[in-house]
Amino acid sequence: MLINSKVGHLYSRYKSGDSIVIFLSGYGDFPSYENFLPLISRLDSNFGYLTIDYPNSGESSTRNQVGLGLSDLVESFMTIVNFYNVKDYIICAHSMGGVIASRLVNHLSGKNRKGLL
């Protein structure tokens, strides 16, 4: 689903569950869902997932990012997390996704974090 955010329309995939694994990939052209599919396919049925494609990559729309920075990207990812009303979560991050995860947890403090990978 494309969700409008500060950095443009970001594509996300979501499946509900008791706890949601938020998968944050590094920058690249491939959709985050495809990057993490080997892990997603092994999740127990009580786990859901959320993947978010970066601007201008995966299935997200193309938009000029001049003047936008990391804080804008984190704010945009929070828009998506809030859209899906994620309460209990685990973050699985790689590369640039780890940088974003370290900032997201400050905004997710009111939610129930089960782990940070």
PDB file of N, CA and C in Angstrom:
ATOM      1  N   MET A   1       0.844  -1.166   0.000  1.00  0.00           N
ATOM      2  CA  MET A   1       0.000   0.000   0.000  1.00  0.00           C
ATOM      3  C   MET A   1       0.898   1.240   0.000  1.00  0.00           C
ATOM      4  N   LEU A   2       0.568   2.201  -0.822  1.00  0.00           N
ATOM      5  CA  LEU A   2       1.279   3.481  -0.834  1.00  0.00           C
ATOM      6  C   LEU A   2       0.668   4.408   0.215  1.00  0.00           C
ATOM      7  N   ILE A   3       1.517   4.952   1.073  1.00  0.00           N
ATOM      8  CA  ILE A   3       1.065   5.864   2.124  1.00  0.00           C
ATOM      9  C   ILE A   3       1.809   7.177   1.968  1.00  0.00           C
ATOM     10  N   ASN A   4       1.063   8.280   1.943  1.00  0.00           N
ATOM     11  CA  ASN A   4       1.671   9.597   1.791  1.00  0.00           C
ATOM     12  C   ASN A   4       2.422   9.982   3.064  1.00  0.00           C
ATOM     13  N   SER A   5       3.618  10.528   2.871  1.00  0.00           N
ATOM     14  CA  SER A   5       4.440  10.955   4.003  1.00  0.00           C
ATOM     15  C   SER A   5       5.218  12.200   3.611  1.00  0.00           C
ATOM     16  N   LYS A   6       5.990  12.706   4.536  1.00  0.00           N
ATOM     17  CA  LYS A   6       6.780  13.915   4.297  1.00  0.00           C
ATOM     18  C   LYS A   6       7.771  13.747   3.145  1.00  0.00           C
ATOM     19  N   VAL A   7       8.287  12.525   2.965  1.00  0.00           N
ATOM     20  CA  VAL A   7       9.279  12.285   1.909  1.00  0.00           C
ATOM     21  C   VAL A   7       8.656  11.721   0.634  1.00  0.00           C
ATOM     22  N   GLY A   8       7.340  11.658   0.582  1.00  0.00           N
ATOM     23  CA  GLY A   8       6.646  11.158  -0.604  1.00  0.00           C
ATOM     24  C   GLY A   8       5.774   9.958  -0.266  1.00  0.00           C
ATOM     25  N   HIS A   9       5.266   9.307  -1.305  1.00  0.00           N
ATOM     26  CA  HIS A   9       4.437   8.116  -1.132  1.00  0.00           C
ATOM     27  C   HIS A   9       5.346   6.907  -0.942  1.00  0.00           C
ATOM     28  N   LEU A  10       5.290   6.311   0.243  1.00  0.00           N
ATOM     29  CA  LEU A  10       6.123   5.153   0.555  1.00  0.00           C
ATOM     30  C   LEU A  10       5.281   3.892   0.505  1.00  0.00           C
ATOM     31  N   TYR A  11       5.844   2.863  -0.118  1.00  0.00           N
ATOM     32  CA  TYR A  11       5.145   1.586  -0.232  1.00  0.00           C
ATOM     33  C   TYR A  11       5.437   0.739   0.999  1.00  0.00           C
ATOM     34  N   SER A  12       4.395   0.141   1.542  1.00  0.00           N
ATOM     35  CA  SER A  12       4.559  -0.735   2.697  1.00  0.00           C
ATOM     36  C   SER A  12       3.727  -1.995   2.508  1.00  0.00           C
ATOM     37  N   ARG A  13       4.183  -3.052   3.161  1.00  0.00           N
ATOM     38  CA  ARG A  13       3.406  -4.289   3.240  1.00  0.00           C
ATOM     39  C   ARG A  13       3.215  -4.583   4.716  1.00  0.00           C
ATOM     40  N   TYR A  14       2.008  -5.011   5.053  1.00  0.00           N
ATOM     41  CA  TYR A  14       1.674  -5.231   6.456  1.00  0.00           C
ATOM     42  C   TYR A  14       0.819  -6.476   6.599  1.00  0.00           C
ATOM     43  N   LYS A  15       1.136  -7.252   7.627  1.00  0.00           N
ATOM     44  CA  LYS A  15       0.296  -8.378   8.035  1.00  0.00           C
ATOM     45  C   LYS A  15       0.148  -8.266   9.541  1.00  0.00           C
ATOM     46  N   SER A  16      -1.063  -8.296  10.036  1.00  0.00           N
ATOM     47  CA  SER A  16      -1.300  -8.150  11.472  1.00  0.00           C
ATOM     48  C   SER A  16      -0.852  -9.399  12.232  1.00  0.00           C
ATOM     49  N   GLY A  17      -0.633  -9.223  13.517  1.00  0.00           N
ATOM     50  CA  GLY A  17      -0.234 -10.320  14.385  1.00  0.00           C
ATOM     51  C   GLY A  17      -0.162  -9.843  15.820  1.00  0.00           C
ATOM     52  N   ASP A  18       0.112 -10.772  16.747  1.00  0.00           N
ATOM     53  CA  ASP A  18       0.234 -10.403  18.163  1.00  0.00           C
ATOM     54  C   ASP A  18       1.373  -9.417  18.366  1.00  0.00           C
ATOM     55  N   SER A  19       2.491  -9.665  17.718  1.00  0.00           N
ATOM     56  CA  SER A  19       3.632  -8.750  17.675  1.00  0.00           C
ATOM     57  C   SER A  19       3.982  -8.528  16.216  1.00  0.00           C
ATOM     58  N   ILE A  20       4.421  -7.325  15.905  1.00  0.00           N
ATOM     59  CA  ILE A  20       4.770  -6.983  14.528  1.00  0.00           C
ATOM     60  C   ILE A  20       6.285  -6.858  14.424  1.00  0.00           C
ATOM     61  N   VAL A  21       6.870  -7.580  13.485  1.00  0.00           N
ATOM     62  CA  VAL A  21       8.290  -7.422  13.195  1.00  0.00           C
ATOM     63  C   VAL A  21       8.400  -6.327  12.139  1.00  0.00           C
ATOM     64  N   ILE A  22       9.052  -5.236  12.501  1.00  0.00           N
ATOM     65  CA  ILE A  22       9.272  -4.130  11.570  1.00  0.00           C
ATOM     66  C   ILE A  22      10.620  -4.379  10.912  1.00  0.00           C
ATOM     67  N   PHE A  23      10.597  -4.687   9.618  1.00  0.00           N
ATOM     68  CA  PHE A  23      11.814  -4.969   8.867  1.00  0.00           C
ATOM     69  C   PHE A  23      12.282  -3.692   8.177  1.00  0.00           C
ATOM     70  N   LEU A  24      13.508  -3.276   8.485  1.00  0.00           N
ATOM     71  CA  LEU A  24      14.088  -2.067   7.899  1.00  0.00           C
ATOM     72  C   LEU A  24      15.363  -2.446   7.165  1.00  0.00           C
ATOM     73  N   SER A  25      15.328  -2.372   5.858  1.00  0.00           N
ATOM     74  CA  SER A  25      16.493  -2.754   5.059  1.00  0.00           C
ATOM     75  C   SER A  25      17.455  -1.586   4.906  1.00  0.00           C
ATOM     76  N   GLY A  26      18.576  -1.864   4.276  1.00  0.00           N
ATOM     77  CA  GLY A  26      19.490  -0.804   3.884  1.00  0.00           C
ATOM     78  C   GLY A  26      18.973  -0.178   2.599  1.00  0.00           C
ATOM     79  N   TYR A  27      19.620   0.911   2.187  1.00  0.00           N
ATOM     80  CA  TYR A  27      19.219   1.534   0.925  1.00  0.00           C
ATOM     81  C   TYR A  27      19.504   0.591  -0.228  1.00  0.00           C
ATOM     82  N   GLY A  28      18.654   0.617  -1.221  1.00  0.00           N
ATOM     83  CA  GLY A  28      18.831  -0.207  -2.405  1.00  0.00           C
ATOM     84  C   GLY A  28      17.617  -0.089  -3.295  1.00  0.00           C
ATOM     85  N   ASP A  29      17.693  -0.714  -4.444  1.00  0.00           N
ATOM     86  CA  ASP A  29      16.605  -0.641  -5.413  1.00  0.00           C
ATOM     87  C   ASP A  29      15.510  -1.673  -5.176  1.00  0.00           C
ATOM     88  N   PHE A  30      15.816  -2.720  -4.425  1.00  0.00           N
ATOM     89  CA  PHE A  30      14.858  -3.800  -4.246  1.00  0.00           C
ATOM     90  C   PHE A  30      13.840  -3.462  -3.159  1.00  0.00           C
ATOM     91  N   PRO A  31      12.620  -3.961  -3.303  1.00  0.00           N
ATOM     92  CA  PRO A  31      11.618  -3.755  -2.253  1.00  0.00           C
ATOM     93  C   PRO A  31      12.058  -4.417  -0.946  1.00  0.00           C
ATOM     94  N   SER A  32      11.789  -3.774   0.171  1.00  0.00           N
ATOM     95  CA  SER A  32      12.158  -4.320   1.484  1.00  0.00           C
ATOM     96  C   SER A  32      11.530  -5.688   1.714  1.00  0.00           C
ATOM     97  N   TYR A  33      10.291  -5.869   1.261  1.00  0.00           N
ATOM     98  CA  TYR A  33       9.614  -7.156   1.434  1.00  0.00           C
ATOM     99  C   TYR A  33      10.420  -8.273   0.789  1.00  0.00           C
ATOM    100  N   GLU A  34      10.890  -8.045  -0.423  1.00  0.00           N
ATOM    101  CA  GLU A  34      11.679  -9.067  -1.117  1.00  0.00           C
ATOM    102  C   GLU A  34      12.999  -9.320  -0.398  1.00  0.00           C
ATOM    103  N   ASN A  35      13.627  -8.270   0.111  1.00  0.00           N
ATOM    104  CA  ASN A  35      14.891  -8.432   0.837  1.00  0.00           C
ATOM    105  C   ASN A  35      14.727  -9.335   2.056  1.00  0.00           C
ATOM    106  N   PHE A  36      13.611  -9.199   2.746  1.00  0.00           N
ATOM    107  CA  PHE A  36      13.407  -9.933   3.991  1.00  0.00           C
ATOM    108  C   PHE A  36      12.501 -11.153   3.847  1.00  0.00           C
ATOM    109  N   LEU A  37      12.066 -11.480   2.646  1.00  0.00           N
ATOM    110  CA  LEU A  37      11.144 -12.598   2.445  1.00  0.00           C
ATOM    111  C   LEU A  37      11.647 -13.911   3.051  1.00  0.00           C
ATOM    112  N   PRO A  38      12.953 -14.232   2.964  1.00  0.00           N
ATOM    113  CA  PRO A  38      13.403 -15.476   3.606  1.00  0.00           C
ATOM    114  C   PRO A  38      13.123 -15.507   5.119  1.00  0.00           C
ATOM    115  N   LEU A  39      13.156 -14.361   5.778  1.00  0.00           N
ATOM    116  CA  LEU A  39      12.830 -14.296   7.211  1.00  0.00           C
ATOM    117  C   LEU A  39      11.325 -14.235   7.436  1.00  0.00           C
ATOM    118  N   ILE A  40      10.641 -13.432   6.624  1.00  0.00           N
ATOM    119  CA  ILE A  40       9.185 -13.285   6.759  1.00  0.00           C
ATOM    120  C   ILE A  40       8.496 -14.636   6.607  1.00  0.00           C
ATOM    121  N   SER A  41       8.956 -15.428   5.653  1.00  0.00           N
ATOM    122  CA  SER A  41       8.316 -16.723   5.389  1.00  0.00           C
ATOM    123  C   SER A  41       8.512 -17.714   6.537  1.00  0.00           C
ATOM    124  N   ARG A  42       9.445 -17.437   7.456  1.00  0.00           N
ATOM    125  CA  ARG A  42       9.702 -18.331   8.588  1.00  0.00           C
ATOM    126  C   ARG A  42       9.069 -17.847   9.898  1.00  0.00           C
ATOM    127  N   LEU A  43       8.385 -16.718   9.855  1.00  0.00           N
ATOM    128  CA  LEU A  43       7.746 -16.210  11.075  1.00  0.00           C
ATOM    129  C   LEU A  43       6.639 -17.153  11.533  1.00  0.00           C
ATOM    130  N   ASP A  44       6.530 -17.350  12.848  1.00  0.00           N
ATOM    131  CA  ASP A  44       5.399 -18.099  13.389  1.00  0.00           C
ATOM    132  C   ASP A  44       4.115 -17.356  13.046  1.00  0.00           C
ATOM    133  N   SER A  45       3.006 -18.076  13.009  1.00  0.00           N
ATOM    134  CA  SER A  45       1.737 -17.489  12.573  1.00  0.00           C
ATOM    135  C   SER A  45       1.238 -16.371  13.484  1.00  0.00           C
ATOM    136  N   ASN A  46       1.702 -16.321  14.738  1.00  0.00           N
ATOM    137  CA  ASN A  46       1.234 -15.257  15.637  1.00  0.00           C
ATOM    138  C   ASN A  46       1.978 -13.940  15.418  1.00  0.00           C
ATOM    139  N   PHE A  47       3.025 -13.949  14.592  1.00  0.00           N
ATOM    140  CA  PHE A  47       3.768 -12.732  14.283  1.00  0.00           C
ATOM    141  C   PHE A  47       3.263 -12.111  12.989  1.00  0.00           C
ATOM    142  N   GLY A  48       3.158 -10.792  12.995  1.00  0.00           N
ATOM    143  CA  GLY A  48       2.883 -10.052  11.775  1.00  0.00           C
ATOM    144  C   GLY A  48       4.161  -9.370  11.333  1.00  0.00           C
ATOM    145  N   TYR A  49       4.066  -8.597  10.271  1.00  0.00           N
ATOM    146  CA  TYR A  49       5.256  -7.888   9.791  1.00  0.00           C
ATOM    147  C   TYR A  49       4.867  -6.570   9.143  1.00  0.00           C
ATOM    148  N   LEU A  50       5.847  -5.696   9.070  1.00  0.00           N
ATOM    149  CA  LEU A  50       5.723  -4.422   8.367  1.00  0.00           C
ATOM    150  C   LEU A  50       7.029  -4.184   7.627  1.00  0.00           C
ATOM    151  N   THR A  51       6.937  -3.976   6.330  1.00  0.00           N
ATOM    152  CA  THR A  51       8.099  -3.574   5.539  1.00  0.00           C
ATOM    153  C   THR A  51       7.781  -2.241   4.883  1.00  0.00           C
ATOM    154  N   ILE A  52       8.807  -1.411   4.745  1.00  0.00           N
ATOM    155  CA  ILE A  52       8.640  -0.080   4.163  1.00  0.00           C
ATOM    156  C   ILE A  52       9.747   0.132   3.143  1.00  0.00           C
ATOM    157  N   ASP A  53       9.372   0.509   1.922  1.00  0.00           N
ATOM    158  CA  ASP A  53      10.363   0.832   0.893  1.00  0.00           C
ATOM    159  C   ASP A  53      10.780   2.290   1.031  1.00  0.00           C
ATOM    160  N   TYR A  54      12.075   2.521   0.885  1.00  0.00           N
ATOM    161  CA  TYR A  54      12.596   3.891   0.931  1.00  0.00           C
ATOM    162  C   TYR A  54      12.069   4.703  -0.248  1.00  0.00           C
ATOM    163  N   PRO A  55      12.122   6.033  -0.158  1.00  0.00           N
ATOM    164  CA  PRO A  55      11.735   6.854  -1.306  1.00  0.00           C
ATOM    165  C   PRO A  55      12.621   6.515  -2.505  1.00  0.00           C
ATOM    166  N   ASN A  56      12.040   6.517  -3.660  1.00  0.00           N
ATOM    167  CA  ASN A  56      12.754   6.279  -4.921  1.00  0.00           C
ATOM    168  C   ASN A  56      13.348   4.877  -5.008  1.00  0.00           C
ATOM    169  N   SER A  57      12.799   3.931  -4.265  1.00  0.00           N
ATOM    170  CA  SER A  57      13.269   2.549  -4.367  1.00  0.00           C
ATOM    171  C   SER A  57      12.100   1.603  -4.155  1.00  0.00           C
ATOM    172  N   GLY A  58      12.325   0.347  -4.516  1.00  0.00           N
ATOM    173  CA  GLY A  58      11.254  -0.633  -4.385  1.00  0.00           C
ATOM    174  C   GLY A  58      10.017  -0.180  -5.124  1.00  0.00           C
ATOM    175  N   GLU A  59       8.879  -0.215  -4.443  1.00  0.00           N
ATOM    176  CA  GLU A  59       7.615   0.183  -5.061  1.00  0.00           C
ATOM    177  C   GLU A  59       7.153   1.565  -4.610  1.00  0.00           C
ATOM    178  N   SER A  60       8.014   2.274  -3.881  1.00  0.00           N
ATOM    179  CA  SER A  60       7.686   3.654  -3.492  1.00  0.00           C
ATOM    180  C   SER A  60       7.798   4.569  -4.697  1.00  0.00           C
ATOM    181  N   SER A  61       7.084   5.679  -4.644  1.00  0.00           N
ATOM    182  CA  SER A  61       7.102   6.617  -5.765  1.00  0.00           C
ATOM    183  C   SER A  61       8.414   7.396  -5.804  1.00  0.00           C
ATOM    184  N   THR A  62       8.706   7.932  -6.963  1.00  0.00           N
ATOM    185  CA  THR A  62       9.900   8.744  -7.166  1.00  0.00           C
ATOM    186  C   THR A  62       9.569  10.187  -6.828  1.00  0.00           C
ATOM    187  N   ARG A  63      10.438  10.794  -6.031  1.00  0.00           N
ATOM    188  CA  ARG A  63      10.242  12.189  -5.642  1.00  0.00           C
ATOM    189  C   ARG A  63      11.605  12.801  -5.345  1.00  0.00           C
ATOM    190  N   ASN A  64      11.768  14.048  -5.692  1.00  0.00           N
ATOM    191  CA  ASN A  64      13.002  14.770  -5.403  1.00  0.00           C
ATOM    192  C   ASN A  64      13.173  14.867  -3.889  1.00  0.00           C
ATOM    193  N   GLN A  65      14.330  14.459  -3.389  1.00  0.00           N
ATOM    194  CA  GLN A  65      14.592  14.445  -1.949  1.00  0.00           C
ATOM    195  C   GLN A  65      15.481  15.602  -1.491  1.00  0.00           C
ATOM    196  N   VAL A  66      15.731  16.565  -2.384  1.00  0.00           N
ATOM    197  CA  VAL A  66      16.576  17.710  -2.030  1.00  0.00           C
ATOM    198  C   VAL A  66      15.955  18.445  -0.843  1.00  0.00           C
ATOM    199  N   GLY A  67      16.767  18.736   0.151  1.00  0.00           N
ATOM    200  CA  GLY A  67      16.302  19.462   1.330  1.00  0.00           C
ATOM    201  C   GLY A  67      15.714  18.575   2.411  1.00  0.00           C
ATOM    202  N   LEU A  68      15.610  17.281   2.143  1.00  0.00           N
ATOM    203  CA  LEU A  68      15.074  16.351   3.135  1.00  0.00           C
ATOM    204  C   LEU A  68      16.223  15.557   3.745  1.00  0.00           C
ATOM    205  N   GLY A  69      16.105  15.214   5.014  1.00  0.00           N
ATOM    206  CA  GLY A  69      17.181  14.507   5.698  1.00  0.00           C
ATOM    207  C   GLY A  69      16.689  13.303   6.470  1.00  0.00           C
ATOM    208  N   LEU A  70      17.573  12.772   7.296  1.00  0.00           N
ATOM    209  CA  LEU A  70      17.281  11.577   8.072  1.00  0.00           C
ATOM    210  C   LEU A  70      16.073  11.771   8.984  1.00  0.00           C
ATOM    211  N   SER A  71      15.961  12.915   9.624  1.00  0.00           N
ATOM    212  CA  SER A  71      14.824  13.144  10.529  1.00  0.00           C
ATOM    213  C   SER A  71      13.499  13.118   9.769  1.00  0.00           C
ATOM    214  N   ASP A  72      13.506  13.582   8.513  1.00  0.00           N
ATOM    215  CA  ASP A  72      12.292  13.539   7.690  1.00  0.00           C
ATOM    216  C   ASP A  72      11.928  12.094   7.346  1.00  0.00           C
ATOM    217  N   LEU A  73      12.947  11.282   7.089  1.00  0.00           N
ATOM    218  CA  LEU A  73      12.717   9.872   6.781  1.00  0.00           C
ATOM    219  C   LEU A  73      12.173   9.137   8.009  1.00  0.00           C
ATOM    220  N   VAL A  74      12.746   9.395   9.163  1.00  0.00           N
ATOM    221  CA  VAL A  74      12.266   8.781  10.405  1.00  0.00           C
ATOM    222  C   VAL A  74      10.820   9.200  10.671  1.00  0.00           C
ATOM    223  N   GLU A  75      10.524  10.476  10.493  1.00  0.00           N
ATOM    224  CA  GLU A  75       9.148  10.970  10.677  1.00  0.00           C
ATOM    225  C   GLU A  75       8.192  10.263   9.719  1.00  0.00           C
ATOM    226  N   SER A  76       8.631  10.050   8.496  1.00  0.00           N
ATOM    227  CA  SER A  76       7.796   9.383   7.495  1.00  0.00           C
ATOM    228  C   SER A  76       7.564   7.919   7.854  1.00  0.00           C
ATOM    229  N   PHE A  77       8.599   7.241   8.346  1.00  0.00           N
ATOM    230  CA  PHE A  77       8.433   5.855   8.775  1.00  0.00           C
ATOM    231  C   PHE A  77       7.476   5.781   9.966  1.00  0.00           C
ATOM    232  N   MET A  78       7.545   6.759  10.877  1.00  0.00           N
ATOM    233  CA  MET A  78       6.612   6.800  12.007  1.00  0.00           C
ATOM    234  C   MET A  78       5.178   6.993  11.525  1.00  0.00           C
ATOM    235  N   THR A  79       4.995   7.779  10.479  1.00  0.00           N
ATOM    236  CA  THR A  79       3.664   7.959   9.896  1.00  0.00           C
ATOM    237  C   THR A  79       3.086   6.606   9.505  1.00  0.00           C
ATOM    238  N   ILE A  80       3.923   5.757   8.920  1.00  0.00           N
ATOM    239  CA  ILE A  80       3.463   4.441   8.474  1.00  0.00           C
ATOM    240  C   ILE A  80       3.210   3.520   9.665  1.00  0.00           C
ATOM    241  N   VAL A  81       4.109   3.502  10.635  1.00  0.00           N
ATOM    242  CA  VAL A  81       3.911   2.685  11.841  1.00  0.00           C
ATOM    243  C   VAL A  81       2.604   3.085  12.530  1.00  0.00           C
ATOM    244  N   ASN A  82       2.344   4.366  12.626  1.00  0.00           N
ATOM    245  CA  ASN A  82       1.104   4.847  13.249  1.00  0.00           C
ATOM    246  C   ASN A  82      -0.118   4.527  12.400  1.00  0.00           C
ATOM    247  N   PHE A  83       0.022   4.573  11.073  1.00  0.00           N
ATOM    248  CA  PHE A  83      -1.086   4.237  10.176  1.00  0.00           C
ATOM    249  C   PHE A  83      -1.601   2.825  10.477  1.00  0.00           C
ATOM    250  N   TYR A  84      -0.676   1.904  10.703  1.00  0.00           N
ATOM    251  CA  TYR A  84      -1.051   0.513  10.987  1.00  0.00           C
ATOM    252  C   TYR A  84      -1.310   0.260  12.477  1.00  0.00           C
ATOM    253  N   ASN A  85      -1.170   1.300  13.296  1.00  0.00           N
ATOM    254  CA  ASN A  85      -1.445   1.206  14.731  1.00  0.00           C
ATOM    255  C   ASN A  85      -0.641   0.087  15.400  1.00  0.00           C
ATOM    256  N   VAL A  86       0.643   0.021  15.063  1.00  0.00           N
ATOM    257  CA  VAL A  86       1.530  -0.993  15.632  1.00  0.00           C
ATOM    258  C   VAL A  86       1.746  -0.689  17.112  1.00  0.00           C
ATOM    259  N   LYS A  87       1.485  -1.672  17.958  1.00  0.00           N
ATOM    260  CA  LYS A  87       1.639  -1.508  19.413  1.00  0.00           C
ATOM    261  C   LYS A  87       2.821  -2.329  19.933  1.00  0.00           C
ATOM    262  N   ASP A  88       2.798  -3.629  19.712  1.00  0.00           N
ATOM    263  CA  ASP A  88       3.881  -4.523  20.133  1.00  0.00           C
ATOM    264  C   ASP A  88       4.764  -4.778  18.928  1.00  0.00           C
ATOM    265  N   TYR A  89       6.060  -4.542  19.081  1.00  0.00           N
ATOM    266  CA  TYR A  89       6.916  -4.648  17.908  1.00  0.00           C
ATOM    267  C   TYR A  89       8.298  -5.184  18.239  1.00  0.00           C
ATOM    268  N   ILE A  90       8.920  -5.714  17.216  1.00  0.00           N
ATOM    269  CA  ILE A  90      10.317  -6.126  17.208  1.00  0.00           C
ATOM    270  C   ILE A  90      10.898  -5.498  15.954  1.00  0.00           C
ATOM    271  N   ILE A  91      12.074  -4.914  16.046  1.00  0.00           N
ATOM    272  CA  ILE A  91      12.701  -4.321  14.863  1.00  0.00           C
ATOM    273  C   ILE A  91      13.829  -5.223  14.389  1.00  0.00           C
ATOM    274  N   CYS A  92      13.815  -5.534  13.113  1.00  0.00           N
ATOM    275  CA  CYS A  92      14.890  -6.272  12.458  1.00  0.00           C
ATOM    276  C   CYS A  92      15.438  -5.349  11.378  1.00  0.00           C
ATOM    277  N   ALA A  93      16.678  -4.899  11.554  1.00  0.00           N
ATOM    278  CA  ALA A  93      17.227  -3.868  10.669  1.00  0.00           C
ATOM    279  C   ALA A  93      18.577  -4.283  10.100  1.00  0.00           C
ATOM    280  N   HIS A  94      18.869  -3.751   8.922  1.00  0.00           N
ATOM    281  CA  HIS A  94      20.141  -3.997   8.243  1.00  0.00           C
ATOM    282  C   HIS A  94      20.690  -2.675   7.723  1.00  0.00           C
ATOM    283  N   SER A  95      21.964  -2.425   7.941  1.00  0.00           N
ATOM    284  CA  SER A  95      22.674  -1.284   7.367  1.00  0.00           C
ATOM    285  C   SER A  95      21.974   0.034   7.723  1.00  0.00           C
ATOM    286  N   MET A  96      21.578   0.812   6.725  1.00  0.00           N
ATOM    287  CA  MET A  96      20.923   2.096   6.972  1.00  0.00           C
ATOM    288  C   MET A  96      19.651   1.920   7.804  1.00  0.00           C
ATOM    289  N   GLY A  97      19.014   0.771   7.681  1.00  0.00           N
ATOM    290  CA  GLY A  97      17.842   0.487   8.497  1.00  0.00           C
ATOM    291  C   GLY A  97      18.159   0.514   9.984  1.00  0.00           C
ATOM    292  N   GLY A  98      19.389   0.145  10.351  1.00  0.00           N
ATOM    293  CA  GLY A  98      19.812   0.205  11.746  1.00  0.00           C
ATOM    294  C   GLY A  98      19.897   1.627  12.259  1.00  0.00           C
ATOM    295  N   VAL A  99      20.353   2.534  11.397  1.00  0.00           N
ATOM    296  CA  VAL A  99      20.416   3.952  11.768  1.00  0.00           C
ATOM    297  C   VAL A  99      19.002   4.478  12.004  1.00  0.00           C
ATOM    298  N   ILE A 100      18.105   4.137  11.104  1.00  0.00           N
ATOM    299  CA  ILE A 100      16.713   4.572  11.245  1.00  0.00           C
ATOM    300  C   ILE A 100      16.090   3.945  12.497  1.00  0.00           C
ATOM    301  N   ALA A 101      16.360   2.658  12.734  1.00  0.00           N
ATOM    302  CA  ALA A 101      15.811   1.971  13.909  1.00  0.00           C
ATOM    303  C   ALA A 101      16.252   2.647  15.198  1.00  0.00           C
ATOM    304  N   SER A 102      17.516   3.069  15.262  1.00  0.00           N
ATOM    305  CA  SER A 102      18.019   3.702  16.485  1.00  0.00           C
ATOM    306  C   SER A 102      17.308   5.014  16.779  1.00  0.00           C
ATOM    307  N   ARG A 103      16.777   5.647  15.758  1.00  0.00           N
ATOM    308  CA  ARG A 103      16.019   6.887  15.951  1.00  0.00           C
ATOM    309  C   ARG A 103      14.521   6.623  16.121  1.00  0.00           C
ATOM    310  N   LEU A 104      14.023   5.588  15.456  1.00  0.00           N
ATOM    311  CA  LEU A 104      12.608   5.240  15.584  1.00  0.00           C
ATOM    312  C   LEU A 104      12.243   4.878  17.020  1.00  0.00           C
ATOM    313  N   VAL A 105      13.131   4.168  17.711  1.00  0.00           N
ATOM    314  CA  VAL A 105      12.780   3.719  19.064  1.00  0.00           C
ATOM    315  C   VAL A 105      12.495   4.891  19.998  1.00  0.00           C
ATOM    316  N   ASN A 106      13.084   6.045  19.725  1.00  0.00           N
ATOM    317  CA  ASN A 106      12.775   7.231  20.536  1.00  0.00           C
ATOM    318  C   ASN A 106      11.334   7.677  20.343  1.00  0.00           C
ATOM    319  N   HIS A 107      10.800   7.478  19.137  1.00  0.00           N
ATOM    320  CA  HIS A 107       9.420   7.870  18.832  1.00  0.00           C
ATOM    321  C   HIS A 107       8.428   6.772  19.211  1.00  0.00           C
ATOM    322  N   LEU A 108       8.919   5.554  19.355  1.00  0.00           N
ATOM    323  CA  LEU A 108       8.055   4.418  19.666  1.00  0.00           C
ATOM    324  C   LEU A 108       8.005   4.121  21.156  1.00  0.00           C
ATOM    325  N   SER A 109       8.508   5.022  21.980  1.00  0.00           N
ATOM    326  CA  SER A 109       8.667   4.743  23.410  1.00  0.00           C
ATOM    327  C   SER A 109       7.360   4.388  24.113  1.00  0.00           C
ATOM    328  N   GLY A 110       6.235   4.891  23.648  1.00  0.00           N
ATOM    329  CA  GLY A 110       4.956   4.581  24.273  1.00  0.00           C
ATOM    330  C   GLY A 110       4.408   3.237  23.867  1.00  0.00           C
ATOM    331  N   LYS A 111       5.089   2.579  22.975  1.00  0.00           N
ATOM    332  CA  LYS A 111       4.627   1.284  22.487  1.00  0.00           C
ATOM    333  C   LYS A 111       5.403   0.182  23.210  1.00  0.00           C
ATOM    334  N   ASN A 112       5.018  -1.063  23.006  1.00  0.00           N
ATOM    335  CA  ASN A 112       5.638  -2.192  23.707  1.00  0.00           C
ATOM    336  C   ASN A 112       6.705  -2.844  22.842  1.00  0.00           C
ATOM    337  N   ARG A 113       7.934  -2.536  23.147  1.00  0.00           N
ATOM    338  CA  ARG A 113       9.060  -3.104  22.399  1.00  0.00           C
ATOM    339  C   ARG A 113       9.421  -4.449  23.011  1.00  0.00           C
ATOM    340  N   LYS A 114       9.479  -5.470  22.185  1.00  0.00           N
ATOM    341  CA  LYS A 114       9.858  -6.797  22.645  1.00  0.00           C
ATOM    342  C   LYS A 114      11.312  -7.093  22.335  1.00  0.00           C
ATOM    343  N   GLY A 115      11.913  -6.364  21.432  1.00  0.00           N
ATOM    344  CA  GLY A 115      13.304  -6.608  21.093  1.00  0.00           C
ATOM    345  C   GLY A 115      13.771  -5.693  19.999  1.00  0.00           C
ATOM    346  N   LEU A 116      15.058  -5.587  19.896  1.00  0.00           N
ATOM    347  CA  LEU A 116      15.671  -4.799  18.830  1.00  0.00           C
ATOM    348  C   LEU A 116      16.827  -5.620  18.302  1.00  0.00           C
ATOM    349  N   LEU A 117      16.744  -6.005  17.047  1.00  0.00           N
ATOM    350  CA  LEU A 117      17.786  -6.839  16.440  1.00  0.00           C
ATOM    351  C   LEU A 117      18.654  -6.010  15.532  1.00  0.00           C
TER     352      LEU A 117
END
